[in-house]
């Protein structure tokens, strides 16, 4: 919530969640998928947790 509206790079999110050597992009993608299923009315067309292609994710 602190970074609402900002695009957070994928590597930064991985480091924050699992530590510098604890996760990877596939794990992050799965986590985002599960979060979307919980918070979005239509997870395939998200309005809160957006993917920014080539950069990372943004929480609107």
Protein backbone atom coordinates (compact mmCIF):
# COMPACT_ATOMS: atom_id res chain seq x y z
CA UNK A 1 0.00 0.00 0.00
CA UNK A 2 2.95 2.32 0.56
CA UNK A 3 3.83 2.14 -3.14
CA UNK A 4 0.28 2.42 -4.48
CA UNK A 5 0.22 3.74 -8.03
CA UNK A 6 3.96 3.15 -8.54
CA UNK A 7 5.42 0.48 -10.80
CA UNK A 8 7.63 -1.85 -8.80
CA UNK A 9 10.29 -3.78 -10.72
CA UNK A 10 9.99 -7.55 -10.70
CA UNK A 11 13.43 -8.06 -9.14
CA UNK A 12 12.64 -5.61 -6.34
CA UNK A 13 9.42 -7.47 -5.52
CA UNK A 14 11.21 -10.83 -5.50
CA UNK A 15 13.87 -9.48 -3.13
CA UNK A 16 11.23 -7.99 -0.82
CA UNK A 17 9.15 -11.17 -0.64
CA UNK A 18 11.74 -13.99 -0.69
CA UNK A 19 15.09 -12.28 -0.21
CA UNK A 20 17.89 -11.81 -2.74
CA UNK A 21 18.33 -15.51 -3.48
CA UNK A 22 15.00 -16.98 -2.41
CA UNK A 23 12.61 -16.57 -5.33
CA UNK A 24 12.28 -16.19 -9.07
CA UNK A 25 9.98 -14.69 -11.68
CA UNK A 26 7.84 -17.83 -11.93
CA UNK A 27 7.17 -17.79 -8.18
CA UNK A 28 6.23 -14.09 -8.35
CA UNK A 29 3.90 -14.71 -11.30
CA UNK A 30 2.15 -17.49 -9.33
CA UNK A 31 1.83 -15.22 -6.29
CA UNK A 32 0.29 -12.43 -8.38
CA UNK A 33 -2.11 -14.96 -9.93
CA UNK A 34 -3.27 -16.11 -6.47
CA UNK A 35 -3.60 -12.52 -5.19
CA UNK A 36 -5.69 -11.55 -8.20
CA UNK A 37 -8.03 -14.47 -7.60
CA UNK A 38 -8.62 -13.12 -4.09
CA UNK A 39 -8.97 -9.38 -4.75
CA UNK A 40 -10.21 -8.96 -8.32
CA UNK A 41 -13.80 -9.44 -9.47
CA UNK A 42 -12.46 -10.64 -12.82
CA UNK A 43 -8.85 -11.84 -12.37
CA UNK A 44 -8.32 -12.11 -16.14
CA UNK A 45 -9.07 -8.36 -16.47
CA UNK A 46 -7.51 -6.88 -13.32
CA UNK A 47 -8.24 -3.35 -12.16
CA UNK A 48 -6.18 -3.32 -8.94
CA UNK A 49 -3.03 -5.38 -9.53
CA UNK A 50 -1.70 -4.42 -12.96
CA UNK A 51 1.16 -5.93 -14.94
CA UNK A 52 3.51 -3.42 -16.55
CA UNK A 53 5.11 -5.33 -19.39
CA UNK A 54 8.89 -5.55 -19.17
CA UNK A 55 9.01 -3.72 -15.83
CA UNK A 56 6.96 -5.24 -13.01
CA UNK A 57 3.65 -4.70 -11.25
CA UNK A 58 1.57 -1.81 -9.98
CA UNK A 59 -1.18 -1.71 -7.34
CA UNK A 60 -3.82 0.84 -8.35
